[in-house]
Protein backbone atom coordinates (compact mmCIF):
# COMPACT_ATOMS: atom_id res chain seq x y z
CA PRO A 1 17.10 -20.71 -43.51
CA PRO A 2 14.82 -22.43 -40.76
CA GLU A 3 16.27 -23.14 -37.41
CA TYR A 4 15.67 -26.50 -36.85
CA ARG A 5 14.07 -29.61 -38.95
CA TYR A 6 11.49 -31.76 -37.29
CA VAL A 7 10.07 -35.03 -38.83
CA ILE A 8 6.59 -35.28 -37.30
CA PHE A 9 4.41 -38.79 -37.15
CA VAL A 10 0.78 -38.14 -35.87
CA ASN A 11 -1.08 -41.68 -36.03
CA PRO A 12 -4.77 -40.85 -36.37
CA LYS A 13 -5.81 -44.55 -34.93
CA SER A 14 -3.97 -44.16 -31.70
CA GLY A 15 -5.81 -43.84 -28.43
CA THR A 16 -9.02 -41.87 -28.71
CA GLY A 17 -7.90 -41.49 -32.25
CA LYS A 18 -7.31 -37.15 -31.41
CA SER A 19 -3.82 -37.20 -32.33
CA ARG A 20 -4.34 -34.88 -35.26
CA LYS A 21 -6.41 -32.23 -33.29
CA ILE A 22 -3.93 -32.36 -30.84
CA PHE A 23 -1.13 -31.37 -33.48
CA LYS A 24 -3.48 -28.86 -35.44
CA ASN A 25 -3.65 -26.92 -32.12
CA ALA A 26 -0.40 -25.66 -29.63
CA PRO A 27 2.21 -27.86 -31.15
CA LYS A 28 1.86 -26.56 -35.09
CA ARG A 29 1.36 -22.69 -33.99
CA MET A 30 4.83 -22.51 -31.93
CA LEU A 31 6.54 -24.26 -34.76
CA ARG A 32 5.54 -21.82 -36.86
CA GLU A 33 6.50 -19.20 -33.97
CA ALA A 34 9.68 -20.38 -33.92
CA GLU A 35 10.64 -20.47 -37.38
CA ALA A 36 10.94 -24.29 -37.61
CA GLU A 37 10.30 -26.72 -40.78
CA TYR A 38 9.27 -30.12 -40.56
CA THR A 39 7.68 -32.58 -42.49
CA LEU A 40 4.42 -34.52 -41.38
CA ILE A 41 3.69 -37.76 -41.94
CA THR A 42 0.57 -39.48 -41.04
CA THR A 43 0.89 -43.20 -40.42
CA GLU A 44 -0.93 -45.14 -42.80
CA ARG A 45 -0.47 -49.13 -41.48
CA GLN A 46 2.47 -50.61 -38.49
CA GLY A 47 5.92 -50.22 -40.13
CA HIS A 48 5.34 -46.81 -41.32
CA ALA A 49 7.66 -44.85 -38.87
CA TYR A 50 9.99 -47.58 -38.98
CA ASP A 51 10.50 -47.76 -42.62
CA TYR A 52 10.62 -43.88 -42.53
CA VAL A 53 13.21 -43.31 -40.21
CA LYS A 54 15.28 -46.32 -41.48
CA GLU A 55 15.84 -44.55 -44.43
CA MET A 56 15.57 -40.97 -43.50
CA LYS A 57 18.93 -38.56 -43.72
CA LEU A 58 20.31 -38.45 -40.94
CA ASN A 59 21.71 -34.37 -41.77
CA GLN A 60 17.76 -32.98 -42.54
CA VAL A 61 16.83 -33.42 -39.57
CA ASP A 62 17.71 -32.21 -36.14
CA GLY A 63 14.34 -34.09 -34.38
CA ILE A 64 11.55 -36.10 -34.46
CA ILE A 65 8.36 -35.29 -32.34
CA ILE A 66 5.74 -38.40 -31.80
CA VAL A 67 2.33 -37.48 -31.88
CA SER A 68 0.83 -41.10 -31.01
CA GLY A 69 0.90 -43.48 -27.91
CA ASP A 70 3.85 -45.53 -26.82
CA GLY A 71 3.67 -48.04 -29.54
CA LEU A 72 4.75 -45.47 -32.24
CA ILE A 73 7.45 -44.27 -30.34
CA HIS A 74 8.80 -48.52 -29.70
CA GLU A 75 8.55 -48.55 -33.69
CA VAL A 76 10.55 -45.24 -34.31
CA ILE A 77 13.65 -46.36 -31.78
CA ASN A 78 13.52 -49.61 -33.82
CA GLY A 79 13.56 -48.30 -36.84
CA LEU A 80 16.67 -45.57 -35.64
CA MET A 81 18.23 -48.84 -33.86
CA SER A 82 18.03 -50.87 -37.39
CA ARG A 83 20.39 -48.42 -39.41
CA GLU A 84 24.01 -48.79 -40.14
CA ASP A 85 24.56 -45.74 -38.20
CA TRP A 86 22.34 -46.58 -35.72
CA GLU A 87 24.97 -45.19 -33.14
CA HIS A 88 24.07 -41.30 -34.77
CA ALA A 89 21.04 -41.94 -35.70
CA ILE A 90 19.72 -43.26 -32.13
CA LYS A 91 21.13 -39.74 -30.79
CA LEU A 92 18.33 -37.87 -32.80
CA PRO A 93 15.68 -36.38 -30.35
CA ILE A 94 13.04 -37.23 -29.57
CA GLY A 95 9.39 -35.43 -28.49
CA ALA A 96 6.47 -37.41 -27.22
CA LEU A 97 2.86 -35.88 -27.47
CA PRO A 98 0.06 -37.76 -26.46
CA GLY A 99 -1.87 -39.53 -28.71
CA GLY A 100 -2.41 -42.84 -27.09
CA SER A 101 -4.01 -44.41 -24.54
CA GLY A 102 -0.98 -44.89 -21.95
CA ASN A 103 1.33 -41.61 -23.05
CA ALA A 104 3.81 -43.03 -20.26
CA LEU A 105 7.26 -41.75 -22.10
CA TYR A 106 5.62 -38.11 -22.36
CA GLN A 107 3.99 -38.70 -18.19
CA SER A 108 6.96 -39.73 -16.91
CA ILE A 109 8.94 -36.70 -18.42
CA LEU A 110 6.98 -33.85 -17.53
CA TYR A 111 4.91 -35.59 -14.65
CA GLU A 112 1.47 -33.55 -15.52
CA SER A 113 -0.28 -33.34 -19.16
CA ASN A 114 0.78 -29.91 -20.28
CA ILE A 115 0.91 -30.04 -24.36
CA THR A 116 2.30 -26.56 -24.42
CA SER A 117 5.24 -27.49 -22.13
CA ALA A 118 5.88 -30.43 -24.14
CA MET A 119 6.36 -28.49 -27.07
CA PHE A 120 8.26 -25.59 -24.81
CA MET A 121 11.00 -28.02 -24.19
CA ILE A 122 11.05 -28.97 -28.09
CA ILE A 123 11.60 -25.56 -29.25
CA LYS A 124 14.58 -25.18 -26.83
CA ARG A 125 15.79 -27.63 -27.75
CA TYR A 126 16.22 -29.37 -23.77
CA THR A 127 17.10 -32.82 -24.20
CA THR A 128 18.15 -35.34 -22.10
CA LYS A 129 19.72 -39.27 -22.19
CA LEU A 130 17.29 -42.59 -21.92
CA ASP A 131 17.92 -45.78 -21.14
CA LEU A 132 17.27 -48.37 -23.77
CA VAL A 133 16.63 -52.10 -22.71
CA SER A 134 17.81 -54.76 -25.60
CA ILE A 135 15.08 -56.97 -25.87
CA THR A 136 15.90 -60.77 -26.82
CA THR A 137 12.93 -63.55 -27.40
CA LEU A 138 13.94 -66.99 -29.40
CA LYS A 139 12.64 -65.76 -32.44
CA ASP A 140 13.74 -62.26 -32.25
CA GLN A 141 15.18 -59.04 -30.79
CA ARG A 142 14.11 -55.52 -30.59
CA TYR A 143 14.95 -52.42 -28.37
CA SER A 144 12.47 -50.99 -25.04
CA PHE A 145 12.41 -47.78 -23.78
CA LEU A 146 9.32 -48.40 -21.23
CA SER A 147 8.87 -51.93 -19.93
CA VAL A 148 8.16 -55.98 -20.26
CA GLY A 149 4.76 -57.33 -18.67
CA TRP A 150 3.34 -60.73 -18.30
CA GLY A 151 0.52 -62.01 -16.61
CA LEU A 152 -2.48 -59.35 -15.37
CA LEU A 153 0.34 -56.92 -17.08
CA SER A 154 0.32 -57.99 -20.74
CA ASP A 155 -3.18 -59.64 -20.16
CA VAL A 156 -4.89 -56.31 -19.24
CA ASP A 157 -2.76 -54.65 -22.01
CA ILE A 158 -3.09 -56.97 -25.35
CA GLY A 159 -6.76 -57.99 -24.16
CA THR A 160 -8.12 -53.85 -24.03
CA GLU A 161 -6.73 -52.99 -27.32
CA LYS A 162 -10.45 -52.97 -28.95
CA PHE A 163 -11.36 -50.10 -26.52
CA ARG A 164 -8.47 -47.73 -27.29
CA LYS A 165 -10.73 -45.42 -27.88
CA LEU A 166 -11.59 -44.90 -23.82
CA GLY A 167 -7.94 -43.90 -23.12
CA THR A 168 -6.33 -44.79 -19.87
CA ALA A 169 -9.98 -45.97 -18.85
CA ARG A 170 -9.44 -48.89 -20.65
CA PHE A 171 -6.97 -50.47 -18.00
CA VAL A 172 -8.85 -50.10 -15.28
CA LEU A 173 -12.01 -51.50 -16.92
CA GLY A 174 -9.74 -54.06 -18.04
CA THR A 175 -8.14 -54.85 -14.61
CA VAL A 176 -11.69 -55.17 -13.08
CA LYS A 177 -12.57 -57.67 -15.56
CA HIS A 178 -9.73 -59.69 -14.78
CA LEU A 179 -10.05 -59.57 -11.35
CA THR A 180 -13.66 -61.40 -11.68
CA LYS A 181 -10.86 -65.02 -12.14
CA LEU A 182 -7.93 -63.57 -10.86
CA LYS A 183 -5.30 -65.80 -12.26
CA TYR A 184 -1.72 -66.88 -11.12
CA TYR A 185 1.18 -67.82 -13.39
CA HIS A 186 4.08 -69.84 -12.49
CA GLY A 187 7.29 -68.65 -13.92
CA LYS A 188 11.12 -68.61 -13.13
CA PHE A 189 13.06 -65.27 -13.68
CA GLN A 190 16.46 -64.56 -13.00
CA TYR A 191 18.38 -60.97 -12.29
CA LEU A 192 21.84 -59.81 -12.11
CA PRO A 193 21.46 -57.14 -9.35
CA ASN A 194 21.78 -53.95 -9.81
CA PRO A 195 25.15 -53.25 -7.82
CA MET A 196 27.37 -55.87 -9.80
CA LYS A 197 29.06 -55.88 -12.85
CA ALA A 198 28.33 -58.49 -15.59
CA THR A 199 30.64 -61.38 -14.92
CA ALA A 200 31.85 -64.42 -16.77
CA GLY A 201 29.58 -67.18 -18.57
CA ALA A 202 30.00 -66.63 -22.61
CA THR A 203 28.85 -63.95 -23.75
CA ASN A 204 26.79 -63.41 -26.83
CA ASN A 205 29.07 -60.98 -28.98
CA THR A 206 26.99 -62.03 -32.15
CA GLU A 207 25.72 -58.30 -32.92
CA SER A 208 22.19 -60.38 -34.57
CA LYS A 209 21.88 -56.74 -36.18
CA ALA A 210 22.79 -52.70 -35.50
CA GLY A 211 23.81 -51.87 -32.05
CA PRO A 212 25.63 -52.51 -28.87
CA LYS A 213 27.82 -55.70 -27.83
CA SER A 214 25.57 -57.73 -25.34
CA ILE A 215 26.94 -59.20 -22.34
CA LEU A 216 24.77 -61.78 -22.27
CA PRO A 217 24.85 -65.42 -22.74
CA PRO A 218 22.66 -66.86 -26.12
CA ILE A 219 19.01 -66.88 -24.89
CA ASN A 220 18.57 -70.84 -24.66
CA GLU A 221 22.18 -71.04 -22.85
CA SER A 222 22.55 -70.97 -18.76
CA LEU A 223 23.28 -68.11 -16.95
CA PRO A 224 26.52 -67.02 -14.65
CA SER A 225 26.55 -67.84 -10.94
CA THR A 226 26.06 -64.27 -10.23
CA TRP A 227 22.52 -64.23 -11.12
CA GLU A 228 19.84 -64.69 -8.30
CA THR A 229 16.81 -67.16 -9.21
CA VAL A 230 13.14 -66.56 -8.31
CA GLU A 231 10.37 -69.20 -9.13
CA ASP A 232 6.75 -68.58 -8.36
CA ASP A 233 3.72 -68.03 -9.02
CA MET A 234 2.46 -65.00 -9.50
CA VAL A 235 -0.54 -62.19 -10.18
CA LEU A 236 2.23 -60.18 -12.40
CA PHE A 237 5.69 -59.87 -13.51
CA GLY A 238 7.01 -56.54 -14.98
CA ALA A 239 10.73 -54.78 -15.97
CA ILE A 240 10.30 -51.46 -15.78
CA TYR A 241 12.55 -48.80 -16.66
CA LEU A 242 10.15 -45.37 -16.77
CA PRO A 243 8.53 -43.77 -13.54
CA TYR A 244 4.70 -44.22 -15.73
CA LEU A 245 3.85 -47.25 -17.49
CA SER A 246 0.69 -44.56 -18.59
CA THR A 247 -0.61 -41.43 -17.45
CA ASP A 248 -2.16 -42.40 -14.23
CA ASN A 249 -0.09 -45.79 -13.70
CA PHE A 250 2.69 -44.45 -11.14
CA VAL A 251 4.44 -47.56 -10.79
CA ALA A 252 8.03 -46.77 -10.61
CA PRO A 253 8.51 -43.18 -8.47
CA THR A 254 12.10 -43.59 -8.19
CA SER A 255 13.02 -44.35 -11.72
CA ARG A 256 14.47 -41.82 -13.87
CA LEU A 257 14.93 -42.09 -17.82
CA ASN A 258 18.86 -42.23 -17.40
CA ASP A 259 19.13 -44.47 -14.30
CA GLY A 260 20.82 -47.13 -15.73
CA ILE A 261 18.16 -49.75 -13.81
CA ILE A 262 15.52 -51.80 -14.62
CA HIS A 263 13.24 -52.22 -12.29
CA LEU A 264 11.66 -55.25 -11.83
CA GLN A 265 8.51 -55.96 -9.66
CA THR A 266 6.16 -59.30 -9.52
CA ILE A 267 2.90 -59.50 -7.55
CA ASP A 268 3.00 -62.85 -5.68
CA SER A 269 0.27 -65.19 -5.00
CA THR A 270 -0.73 -64.40 -1.64
CA CYS A 271 -2.40 -61.08 -3.67
CA ASN A 272 -6.11 -61.71 -4.11
CA ARG A 273 -9.17 -59.76 -5.40
CA LYS A 274 -9.55 -57.79 -2.65
CA THR A 275 -5.70 -56.62 -2.61
CA MET A 276 -5.79 -56.39 -6.04
CA LEU A 277 -8.78 -53.91 -5.85
CA LYS A 278 -6.67 -51.85 -3.42
CA ILE A 279 -3.62 -51.59 -5.33
CA LEU A 280 -5.29 -50.82 -8.58
CA SER A 281 -6.70 -47.98 -6.22
CA LYS A 282 -2.98 -46.68 -4.61
CA GLN A 283 -1.37 -46.83 -8.16
CA LYS A 284 -1.91 -43.21 -9.20
CA GLU A 285 0.62 -42.11 -6.38
CA ALA A 286 2.31 -45.81 -6.20
CA GLY A 287 0.84 -46.85 -3.10
CA HIS A 288 1.16 -50.40 -4.52
CA LEU A 289 5.26 -50.49 -3.59
CA GLY A 290 4.40 -50.28 0.53
CA MET A 291 2.45 -53.73 0.05
CA SER A 292 3.54 -57.09 1.03
CA CYS A 293 2.72 -58.83 -2.14
CA VAL A 294 4.59 -56.76 -4.47
CA GLU A 295 8.18 -57.17 -4.87
CA VAL A 296 11.21 -55.20 -6.03
CA PHE A 297 14.06 -55.90 -7.62
CA PRO A 298 16.87 -53.33 -9.31
CA CYS A 299 19.25 -54.85 -11.83
CA LYS A 300 20.93 -54.33 -15.22
CA ALA A 301 20.01 -57.64 -16.70
CA PHE A 302 17.38 -60.44 -16.68
CA ARG A 303 15.74 -63.40 -17.85
CA LEU A 304 12.01 -64.59 -17.63
CA GLU A 305 11.01 -67.84 -18.40
CA PRO A 306 6.93 -68.47 -18.00
CA ILE A 307 6.29 -72.07 -17.98
CA THR A 308 2.21 -71.60 -17.19
CA SER A 309 1.36 -71.74 -21.20
CA PRO A 310 -0.85 -70.24 -22.92
CA GLY A 311 0.21 -66.55 -22.38
CA ILE A 312 1.29 -63.25 -23.06
CA ILE A 313 4.20 -61.27 -22.69
CA THR A 314 4.13 -57.78 -24.30
CA VAL A 315 7.23 -55.22 -24.67
CA ASP A 316 6.32 -51.52 -24.53
CA GLY A 317 2.90 -52.93 -24.48
CA GLU A 318 2.71 -54.75 -27.76
CA CYS A 319 2.63 -58.38 -27.98
CA VAL A 320 5.71 -60.77 -28.82
CA ASP A 321 6.39 -64.48 -29.05
CA TYR A 322 5.50 -66.42 -25.83
CA GLY A 323 8.30 -67.60 -24.60
CA THR A 324 11.48 -67.16 -22.89
CA ILE A 325 12.56 -63.65 -22.66
CA GLN A 326 15.86 -61.87 -21.66
CA GLY A 327 16.55 -58.12 -21.61
CA GLU A 328 19.74 -55.82 -20.53
CA ILE A 329 19.50 -52.22 -20.07
CA PHE A 330 22.10 -49.91 -21.81
CA PRO A 331 21.85 -46.18 -19.96
CA GLY A 332 21.67 -42.86 -21.95
CA LEU A 333 22.03 -44.95 -25.93
CA SER A 334 19.16 -42.61 -26.55
CA ARG A 335 17.70 -39.23 -26.08
CA VAL A 336 14.28 -37.50 -25.57
CA PHE A 337 13.60 -33.84 -24.94
CA CYS A 338 12.72 -32.78 -21.84
CA ARG A 339 12.32 -30.75 -18.80
CA ARG A 340 15.33 -27.83 -18.35
CA ALA A 341 17.13 -29.22 -15.44
CA LYS A 342 16.91 -26.81 -12.31
CA SER A 343 20.51 -25.69 -11.21
CA SER A 344 21.58 -27.11 -7.67
CA SER A 345 21.16 -23.65 -6.45
CA SER A 346 17.33 -23.27 -7.00
CA SER A 347 14.79 -25.34 -4.53
CA SER A 348 12.95 -28.05 -5.75
């Protein structure tokens, strides 16, 4: 009998369109050498992977491998969380191979680009926990593993969709294009500071679908006084829970896969085009964090109310309904294949 059984999703349309080719090289050979069994699914439409993982038999799968961008990882996680047995399903480890333009999860696990190393971790079954954030809008609820973006962040993400074939270059080109007329967004966000436990306030214990119980009030009700409030003009707002937003956008260096923290980052209206170009040039080494217009708010939960309209809000790079949005982190809810942890005696 095979040692392990995997479901592999390959999205031929993501990123530069090389997912099939990526899988056929090292990954396919390494799976064969490891005598692993796998079901290969080439996705044909949006929602294909969601539908598959929602219905698949858990006792016949030992892991999921995704050769695509972060959008398909988002889809798979939400498919697993929509199951009646979500508590078991979401523990199925996920392996990310870089087939998209962003590849944030892949980069945040490896900190380098090495598909052989990524496959080695999967074959060896090294796993770790991954935080998920429950996101609620006025219309729906979903789970997120990467970020919520508003302002320049989401404008660039959605505005450059048609340039996916350029890989990560699409984000740089998109940002430069938006700099010709830098826009400021007025909004209010509230957050539950990191060291504090959620307190008081009516909690929303009705579960709209599967998933852990929420500690947040319903989205149309006011928040407890223990929450901090900021209202300002911003170039962008990002709620981030991975170190990388894309392969070369190192935004939250202190973030870990399972630190239980949402890193809210804003760039305020003191930022001009020149400063934004400087930020752009420093994003590979997270140099933006030392700049006066950049603020960071570590938290457990947040609510964003955009006042400027119209606009775009994204969750894991996917567009959602524009309006009030809130999120809360569930530490270590999911699992991913990862590097083997160094023993405490070894030098790092």
